[in-house]
Structures are given as C-alpha cells and as structure tokens.
Amino acid sequence: MAIFDEKEIQKQAARSQKKLFPFSREGSKGEIKKKKEKPPEIKKSVTDIIPIIDQTKNGLFELKEGGYFDIWQIQSTDVNSLNEEDANRHIYMLAKGYQGDEKSLKVVSLNLPVSTQKQQQFLQKKIQQSEDALFLRFLQKKLKELQYLEWGRTNREYFLFLYGEKETDVIARHAQFMRDVQSVLPLSTVSQEKKIDLLYKLYNQNAKLGNKQ
C-alpha cells in the first residue's frame, strides 16, 4: 500500500476546495449573467409615455387603449360660507350627481398662474396712446403690478375629466352632469390652449406655466 496515493490526494483537494469555495466557476458565471441582464427599455419620446394619441375635431382627446375624454372647469363654492340649509343642498346635489354616474371621472385641482394678459394688453394700448406724463407713470405702475401678479401669484383651480368609449358618450355624460349639478356646481368650458397647458402640467409635474417658465 502506497503512502501517498495521488488519486486520493486529488479527491481530498477537490473536497477541500468545495468547502472553501461552495460556488463553482460555472455558478459564478451564472450570477454574472443575471447581473448583466438586458436593462428595461427606455421610452424614446413623450409620445411613448403619455396615453393620449390625438385630439378630435370636437376638441376631445383620444386615448391609446381606446376611449375619449374632455375637460371642464368647476366653479367651486365654499360651503363653509353658506348657511346650513344651503350647504346641505349643495352636498346632496353633488352626491346625487356622483351616484347617478357610474363611469370613471376625475376631479383635478391645480395651482395655476394668475392670467392678466387682457388687462396688460389694455394698459399697453393706453400707454401707447397717452400723452400725459403723470398719467403715463400711473399706467406703467399698474402694468408692473399686473406683471408681478402673473409671475408671483397662483390660483387654485378645479377641473372635471369625463371619459367615454365614444365621443358621443362623453358629450352625453357632460349633459347629464350639467342637469344634475349645474345649480350647485357650475361647469364652464376650457379653451384648447388651456387644456394643452393642463395636460402638459399633469405629465410634467416640475414644469411651470405662464411667465414662471
């Protein structure tokens, strides 16, 4: 019997190596492969992310997964300033309107810049026409005040999003909603420019609108 059996020594060395390195080289490669898995696909453009694909002739927005929606502005009421009877009537009518419409809707509140464009245009016209130096300084001061308001102040505004499988469904829902809650929660139309601004803000949370950009 040999004192040093070469085959037995190799077996013992292999067993020792397994104890010291329980993961084989093949296993290590497997772990590396897992770490080098293909990264998630990055969307190339904003059109790949937002669910809206088009705007119809009627001003409604078409969704990728099917369906349409439109936006109306809510003229909010402070129920705390009403007497108990009127406050209860407002709450009841609004609850009735929600219960009568089982489909999806969304109420969105946003802080939007104060718009003073019309007032500024009026003052700028007056400034161009003015020949009185004292009155001109007064107009220029008022114009600066309006510009500051538009830059530094915001209004909390509320909007109603109504959805439907067809354009006619959205229009019909709006008509029904108007009948149910118009007396206590008036809805007004939103310009196409403002709708685009709202959607831009919703999909770009850090973006600023108006002169704050």
C-alpha atoms as a PDB file:
ATOM      1  CA  MET A   1       0.000   0.000   0.000  1.00  0.00           C
ATOM      2  CA  ALA A   2       1.404   3.325  -1.107  1.00  0.00           C
ATOM      3  CA  ILE A   3       1.862   6.013   1.486  1.00  0.00           C
ATOM      4  CA  PHE A   4       0.958   8.774  -0.982  1.00  0.00           C
ATOM      5  CA  ASP A   5      -1.925   7.817  -3.242  1.00  0.00           C
ATOM      6  CA  GLU A   6      -2.007  10.502  -5.944  1.00  0.00           C
ATOM      7  CA  LYS A   7      -5.666   9.913  -6.895  1.00  0.00           C
ATOM      8  CA  GLU A   8      -6.799  10.029  -3.254  1.00  0.00           C
ATOM      9  CA  ILE A   9      -4.849  13.268  -2.668  1.00  0.00           C
ATOM     10  CA  GLN A  10      -6.567  14.879  -5.695  1.00  0.00           C
ATOM     11  CA  LYS A  11     -10.008  13.816  -4.388  1.00  0.00           C
ATOM     12  CA  GLN A  12      -9.272  15.283  -0.958  1.00  0.00           C
ATOM     13  CA  ALA A  13      -8.046  18.550  -2.536  1.00  0.00           C
ATOM     14  CA  ALA A  14     -11.230  18.799  -4.601  1.00  0.00           C
ATOM     15  CA  ARG A  15     -13.390  18.244  -1.483  1.00  0.00           C
ATOM     16  CA  SER A  16     -11.432  20.931   0.402  1.00  0.00           C
ATOM     17  CA  GLN A  17     -11.842  23.387  -2.465  1.00  0.00           C
ATOM     18  CA  LYS A  18     -15.622  22.843  -2.485  1.00  0.00           C
ATOM     19  CA  LYS A  19     -15.789  23.630   1.212  1.00  0.00           C
ATOM     20  CA  LEU A  20     -13.748  26.811   0.774  1.00  0.00           C
ATOM     21  CA  PHE A  21     -15.499  27.872  -2.472  1.00  0.00           C
ATOM     22  CA  PRO A  22     -19.040  26.486  -2.374  1.00  0.00           C
ATOM     23  CA  PHE A  23     -19.920  28.233  -5.683  1.00  0.00           C
ATOM     24  CA  SER A  24     -18.317  26.757  -8.752  1.00  0.00           C
ATOM     25  CA  ARG A  25     -16.948  28.821 -11.563  1.00  0.00           C
ATOM     26  CA  GLU A  26     -19.975  27.936 -13.643  1.00  0.00           C
ATOM     27  CA  GLY A  27     -22.213  29.210 -10.822  1.00  0.00           C
ATOM     28  CA  SER A  28     -20.240  32.453 -10.661  1.00  0.00           C
ATOM     29  CA  LYS A  29     -20.710  32.956 -14.376  1.00  0.00           C
ATOM     30  CA  GLY A  30     -24.423  32.386 -13.894  1.00  0.00           C
ATOM     31  CA  GLU A  31     -24.524  35.086 -11.229  1.00  0.00           C
ATOM     32  CA  ILE A  32     -22.647  37.466 -13.528  1.00  0.00           C
ATOM     33  CA  LYS A  33     -25.097  36.750 -16.344  1.00  0.00           C
ATOM     34  CA  LYS A  34     -28.003  37.596 -14.071  1.00  0.00           C
ATOM     35  CA  LYS A  35     -26.390  40.913 -13.189  1.00  0.00           C
ATOM     36  CA  LYS A  36     -25.840  41.617 -16.881  1.00  0.00           C
ATOM     37  CA  GLU A  37     -29.454  41.051 -17.867  1.00  0.00           C
ATOM     38  CA  LYS A  38     -30.873  43.390 -20.506  1.00  0.00           C
ATOM     39  CA  PRO A  39     -31.922  46.703 -18.890  1.00  0.00           C
ATOM     40  CA  PRO A  40     -35.552  47.792 -19.170  1.00  0.00           C
ATOM     41  CA  GLU A  41     -36.448  49.507 -22.411  1.00  0.00           C
ATOM     42  CA  ILE A  42     -36.302  53.283 -22.191  1.00  0.00           C
ATOM     43  CA  LYS A  43     -39.086  55.150 -23.910  1.00  0.00           C
ATOM     44  CA  LYS A  44     -37.738  57.163 -26.821  1.00  0.00           C
ATOM     45  CA  SER A  45     -40.159  60.077 -26.664  1.00  0.00           C
ATOM     46  CA  VAL A  46     -43.006  61.537 -24.633  1.00  0.00           C
ATOM     47  CA  THR A  47     -45.489  60.096 -27.150  1.00  0.00           C
ATOM     48  CA  ASP A  48     -44.466  56.607 -25.980  1.00  0.00           C
ATOM     49  CA  ILE A  49     -45.303  57.510 -22.378  1.00  0.00           C
ATOM     50  CA  ILE A  50     -48.486  59.562 -22.314  1.00  0.00           C
ATOM     51  CA  PRO A  51     -51.753  57.689 -23.005  1.00  0.00           C
ATOM     52  CA  ILE A  52     -53.097  60.343 -25.419  1.00  0.00           C
ATOM     53  CA  ILE A  53     -52.683  59.855 -29.165  1.00  0.00           C
ATOM     54  CA  ASP A  54     -54.786  62.574 -30.767  1.00  0.00           C
ATOM     55  CA  GLN A  55     -57.333  65.356 -30.390  1.00  0.00           C
ATOM     56  CA  THR A  56     -60.581  65.151 -32.335  1.00  0.00           C
ATOM     57  CA  LYS A  57     -62.341  67.870 -34.322  1.00  0.00           C
ATOM     58  CA  ASN A  58     -64.727  68.305 -31.401  1.00  0.00           C
ATOM     59  CA  GLY A  59     -61.817  69.050 -29.063  1.00  0.00           C
ATOM     60  CA  LEU A  60     -61.922  65.717 -27.197  1.00  0.00           C
ATOM     61  CA  PHE A  61     -58.771  63.686 -26.532  1.00  0.00           C
ATOM     62  CA  GLU A  62     -58.373  60.128 -27.861  1.00  0.00           C
ATOM     63  CA  LEU A  63     -56.656  57.504 -25.680  1.00  0.00           C
ATOM     64  CA  LYS A  64     -54.232  54.795 -26.838  1.00  0.00           C
ATOM     65  CA  GLU A  65     -56.149  51.971 -25.184  1.00  0.00           C
ATOM     66  CA  GLY A  66     -59.442  53.191 -26.616  1.00  0.00           C
ATOM     67  CA  GLY A  67     -61.922  55.801 -25.490  1.00  0.00           C
ATOM     68  CA  TYR A  68     -62.072  59.567 -25.213  1.00  0.00           C
ATOM     69  CA  PHE A  69     -62.163  62.287 -22.573  1.00  0.00           C
ATOM     70  CA  ASP A  70     -62.726  66.010 -22.237  1.00  0.00           C
ATOM     71  CA  ILE A  71     -62.099  68.673 -19.596  1.00  0.00           C
ATOM     72  CA  TRP A  72     -64.381  71.242 -17.974  1.00  0.00           C
ATOM     73  CA  GLN A  73     -63.611  73.789 -15.283  1.00  0.00           C
ATOM     74  CA  ILE A  74     -65.505  73.598 -11.991  1.00  0.00           C
ATOM     75  CA  GLN A  75     -66.701  76.849 -10.442  1.00  0.00           C
ATOM     76  CA  SER A  76     -66.150  75.856  -6.831  1.00  0.00           C
ATOM     77  CA  THR A  77     -68.230  77.038  -3.869  1.00  0.00           C
ATOM     78  CA  ASP A  78     -67.077  77.488  -0.289  1.00  0.00           C
ATOM     79  CA  VAL A  79     -69.765  75.558   1.633  1.00  0.00           C
ATOM     80  CA  ASN A  80     -68.378  76.892   4.913  1.00  0.00           C
ATOM     81  CA  SER A  81     -69.613  80.349   3.938  1.00  0.00           C
ATOM     82  CA  LEU A  82     -73.171  79.075   3.354  1.00  0.00           C
ATOM     83  CA  ASN A  83     -75.899  78.584   5.908  1.00  0.00           C
ATOM     84  CA  GLU A  84     -76.625  75.007   6.969  1.00  0.00           C
ATOM     85  CA  GLU A  85     -79.610  74.556   4.653  1.00  0.00           C
ATOM     86  CA  ASP A  86     -77.771  75.742   1.531  1.00  0.00           C
ATOM     87  CA  ALA A  87     -74.649  73.774   2.440  1.00  0.00           C
ATOM     88  CA  ASN A  88     -76.666  70.557   2.832  1.00  0.00           C
ATOM     89  CA  ARG A  89     -78.396  71.197  -0.505  1.00  0.00           C
ATOM     90  CA  HIS A  90     -75.045  71.618  -2.265  1.00  0.00           C
ATOM     91  CA  ILE A  91     -73.675  68.436  -0.709  1.00  0.00           C
ATOM     92  CA  TYR A  92     -76.843  66.449  -1.516  1.00  0.00           C
ATOM     93  CA  MET A  93     -76.950  67.582  -5.163  1.00  0.00           C
ATOM     94  CA  LEU A  94     -73.271  66.783  -5.663  1.00  0.00           C
ATOM     95  CA  ALA A  95     -73.645  63.335  -4.064  1.00  0.00           C
ATOM     96  CA  LYS A  96     -76.685  62.680  -6.264  1.00  0.00           C
ATOM     97  CA  GLY A  97     -74.685  63.619  -9.353  1.00  0.00           C
ATOM     98  CA  TYR A  98     -71.860  61.232  -8.431  1.00  0.00           C
ATOM     99  CA  GLN A  99     -74.258  58.379  -7.664  1.00  0.00           C
ATOM    100  CA  GLY A 100     -76.124  58.881 -10.930  1.00  0.00           C
ATOM    101  CA  ASP A 101     -72.949  58.434 -12.980  1.00  0.00           C
ATOM    102  CA  GLU A 102     -71.248  55.070 -12.518  1.00  0.00           C
ATOM    103  CA  LYS A 103     -68.483  55.533 -15.080  1.00  0.00           C
ATOM    104  CA  SER A 104     -64.991  56.908 -14.490  1.00  0.00           C
ATOM    105  CA  LEU A 105     -64.434  60.580 -13.858  1.00  0.00           C
ATOM    106  CA  LYS A 106     -61.615  62.584 -12.359  1.00  0.00           C
ATOM    107  CA  VAL A 107     -61.539  65.843 -10.409  1.00  0.00           C
ATOM    108  CA  VAL A 108     -58.155  67.587 -10.610  1.00  0.00           C
ATOM    109  CA  SER A 109     -57.051  70.633  -8.607  1.00  0.00           C
ATOM    110  CA  LEU A 110     -54.024  72.645  -9.710  1.00  0.00           C
ATOM    111  CA  ASN A 111     -52.314  75.871  -8.730  1.00  0.00           C
ATOM    112  CA  LEU A 112     -52.166  77.838 -11.970  1.00  0.00           C
ATOM    113  CA  PRO A 113     -50.612  81.250 -12.670  1.00  0.00           C
ATOM    114  CA  VAL A 114     -52.907  84.248 -12.456  1.00  0.00           C
ATOM    115  CA  SER A 115     -53.686  85.391 -16.007  1.00  0.00           C
ATOM    116  CA  THR A 116     -53.626  89.161 -16.531  1.00  0.00           C
ATOM    117  CA  GLN A 117     -52.960  89.192 -20.269  1.00  0.00           C
ATOM    118  CA  LYS A 118     -56.158  91.034 -21.216  1.00  0.00           C
ATOM    119  CA  GLN A 119     -55.589  93.732 -18.593  1.00  0.00           C
ATOM    120  CA  GLN A 120     -51.963  94.098 -19.681  1.00  0.00           C
ATOM    121  CA  GLN A 121     -52.938  94.473 -23.326  1.00  0.00           C
ATOM    122  CA  PHE A 122     -55.455  97.168 -22.386  1.00  0.00           C
ATOM    123  CA  LEU A 123     -52.861  99.089 -20.355  1.00  0.00           C
ATOM    124  CA  GLN A 124     -50.200  98.777 -23.066  1.00  0.00           C
ATOM    125  CA  LYS A 125     -52.655 100.234 -25.570  1.00  0.00           C
ATOM    126  CA  LYS A 126     -53.402 103.125 -23.192  1.00  0.00           C
ATOM    127  CA  ILE A 127     -49.661 103.704 -22.625  1.00  0.00           C
ATOM    128  CA  GLN A 128     -49.073 103.991 -26.371  1.00  0.00           C
ATOM    129  CA  GLN A 129     -51.913 106.484 -26.682  1.00  0.00           C
ATOM    130  CA  SER A 130     -51.157 108.533 -23.570  1.00  0.00           C
ATOM    131  CA  GLU A 131     -49.562 111.972 -23.897  1.00  0.00           C
ATOM    132  CA  ASP A 132     -49.901 112.944 -20.227  1.00  0.00           C
ATOM    133  CA  ALA A 133     -46.613 112.270 -18.381  1.00  0.00           C
ATOM    134  CA  LEU A 134     -48.309 111.903 -14.970  1.00  0.00           C
ATOM    135  CA  PHE A 135     -50.989 109.564 -16.281  1.00  0.00           C
ATOM    136  CA  LEU A 136     -48.322 107.612 -18.189  1.00  0.00           C
ATOM    137  CA  ARG A 137     -46.376 106.902 -14.968  1.00  0.00           C
ATOM    138  CA  PHE A 138     -49.598 105.731 -13.330  1.00  0.00           C
ATOM    139  CA  LEU A 139     -50.307 103.329 -16.217  1.00  0.00           C
ATOM    140  CA  GLN A 140     -46.763 101.969 -16.179  1.00  0.00           C
ATOM    141  CA  LYS A 141     -47.002 101.316 -12.432  1.00  0.00           C
ATOM    142  CA  LYS A 142     -50.277  99.419 -12.883  1.00  0.00           C
ATOM    143  CA  LEU A 143     -48.742  97.396 -15.708  1.00  0.00           C
ATOM    144  CA  LYS A 144     -45.812  96.355 -13.486  1.00  0.00           C
ATOM    145  CA  GLU A 145     -48.260  95.323 -10.751  1.00  0.00           C
ATOM    146  CA  LEU A 146     -50.151  93.095 -13.191  1.00  0.00           C
ATOM    147  CA  GLN A 147     -46.906  91.563 -14.458  1.00  0.00           C
ATOM    148  CA  TYR A 148     -45.858  90.785 -10.894  1.00  0.00           C
ATOM    149  CA  LEU A 149     -49.228  89.188 -10.126  1.00  0.00           C
ATOM    150  CA  GLU A 150     -48.906  86.954 -13.162  1.00  0.00           C
ATOM    151  CA  TRP A 151     -45.360  85.964 -12.222  1.00  0.00           C
ATOM    152  CA  GLY A 152     -45.686  85.641  -8.445  1.00  0.00           C
ATOM    153  CA  ARG A 153     -49.267  84.555  -7.719  1.00  0.00           C
ATOM    154  CA  THR A 154     -51.301  81.429  -8.425  1.00  0.00           C
ATOM    155  CA  ASN A 155     -54.969  80.479  -8.252  1.00  0.00           C
ATOM    156  CA  ARG A 156     -56.283  77.117  -7.082  1.00  0.00           C
ATOM    157  CA  GLU A 157     -58.484  75.882  -9.929  1.00  0.00           C
ATOM    158  CA  TYR A 158     -60.577  72.715 -10.255  1.00  0.00           C
ATOM    159  CA  PHE A 159     -61.250  70.660 -13.360  1.00  0.00           C
ATOM    160  CA  LEU A 160     -63.551  67.764 -14.230  1.00  0.00           C
ATOM    161  CA  PHE A 161     -62.336  64.992 -16.581  1.00  0.00           C
ATOM    162  CA  LEU A 162     -65.135  62.883 -18.089  1.00  0.00           C
ATOM    163  CA  TYR A 163     -64.404  59.670 -20.023  1.00  0.00           C
ATOM    164  CA  GLY A 164     -66.332  57.538 -22.509  1.00  0.00           C
ATOM    165  CA  GLU A 165     -65.893  54.802 -25.095  1.00  0.00           C
ATOM    166  CA  LYS A 166     -67.136  57.160 -27.823  1.00  0.00           C
ATOM    167  CA  GLU A 167     -67.160  60.918 -28.285  1.00  0.00           C
ATOM    168  CA  THR A 168     -70.940  60.907 -28.034  1.00  0.00           C
ATOM    169  CA  ASP A 169     -70.688  59.124 -24.663  1.00  0.00           C
ATOM    170  CA  VAL A 170     -68.520  61.908 -23.244  1.00  0.00           C
ATOM    171  CA  ILE A 171     -70.851  64.612 -24.585  1.00  0.00           C
ATOM    172  CA  ALA A 172     -73.900  62.808 -23.168  1.00  0.00           C
ATOM    173  CA  ARG A 173     -72.240  62.413 -19.759  1.00  0.00           C
ATOM    174  CA  HIS A 174     -71.450  66.104 -19.670  1.00  0.00           C
ATOM    175  CA  ALA A 175     -75.064  66.985 -20.490  1.00  0.00           C
ATOM    176  CA  GLN A 176     -76.312  64.671 -17.726  1.00  0.00           C
ATOM    177  CA  PHE A 177     -73.801  66.045 -15.247  1.00  0.00           C
ATOM    178  CA  MET A 178     -74.922  69.583 -16.074  1.00  0.00           C
ATOM    179  CA  ARG A 179     -78.546  68.666 -15.394  1.00  0.00           C
ATOM    180  CA  ASP A 180     -77.675  67.065 -12.059  1.00  0.00           C
ATOM    181  CA  VAL A 181     -75.239  69.543 -10.501  1.00  0.00           C
ATOM    182  CA  GLN A 182     -75.174  72.741 -12.570  1.00  0.00           C
ATOM    183  CA  SER A 183     -77.247  74.623  -9.997  1.00  0.00           C
ATOM    184  CA  VAL A 184     -74.718  73.973  -7.215  1.00  0.00           C
ATOM    185  CA  LEU A 185     -71.504  73.182  -9.116  1.00  0.00           C
ATOM    186  CA  PRO A 186     -71.394  75.155 -12.376  1.00  0.00           C
ATOM    187  CA  LEU A 187     -69.160  73.839 -15.142  1.00  0.00           C
ATOM    188  CA  SER A 188     -67.566  76.093 -17.724  1.00  0.00           C
ATOM    189  CA  THR A 189     -65.769  75.308 -20.959  1.00  0.00           C
ATOM    190  CA  VAL A 190     -61.974  75.335 -21.107  1.00  0.00           C
ATOM    191  CA  SER A 191     -60.081  76.806 -24.063  1.00  0.00           C
ATOM    192  CA  GLN A 192     -57.998  74.423 -26.177  1.00  0.00           C
ATOM    193  CA  GLU A 193     -54.838  76.273 -25.203  1.00  0.00           C
ATOM    194  CA  LYS A 194     -55.599  75.849 -21.503  1.00  0.00           C
ATOM    195  CA  LYS A 195     -56.406  72.150 -21.968  1.00  0.00           C
ATOM    196  CA  ILE A 196     -52.976  71.622 -23.516  1.00  0.00           C
ATOM    197  CA  ASP A 197     -51.377  73.534 -20.641  1.00  0.00           C
ATOM    198  CA  LEU A 198     -53.228  71.362 -18.097  1.00  0.00           C
ATOM    199  CA  LEU A 199     -52.129  68.111 -19.723  1.00  0.00           C
ATOM    200  CA  TYR A 200     -48.570  69.400 -20.054  1.00  0.00           C
ATOM    201  CA  LYS A 201     -48.552  70.213 -16.343  1.00  0.00           C
ATOM    202  CA  LEU A 202     -50.030  66.828 -15.361  1.00  0.00           C
ATOM    203  CA  TYR A 203     -47.380  64.907 -17.313  1.00  0.00           C
ATOM    204  CA  ASN A 204     -44.552  67.270 -16.304  1.00  0.00           C
ATOM    205  CA  GLN A 205     -45.028  67.772 -12.572  1.00  0.00           C
ATOM    206  CA  ASN A 206     -41.981  70.034 -12.190  1.00  0.00           C
ATOM    207  CA  ALA A 207     -42.867  72.235 -15.139  1.00  0.00           C
ATOM    208  CA  LYS A 208     -44.012  75.815 -14.640  1.00  0.00           C
ATOM    209  CA  LEU A 209     -46.651  77.539 -16.720  1.00  0.00           C
ATOM    210  CA  GLY A 210     -47.119  81.096 -17.850  1.00  0.00           C
ATOM    211  CA  ASN A 211     -44.407  83.667 -17.168  1.00  0.00           C
ATOM    212  CA  LYS A 212     -42.911  81.401 -14.476  1.00  0.00           C
ATOM    213  CA  GLN A 213     -41.284  79.191 -17.090  1.00  0.00           C
END
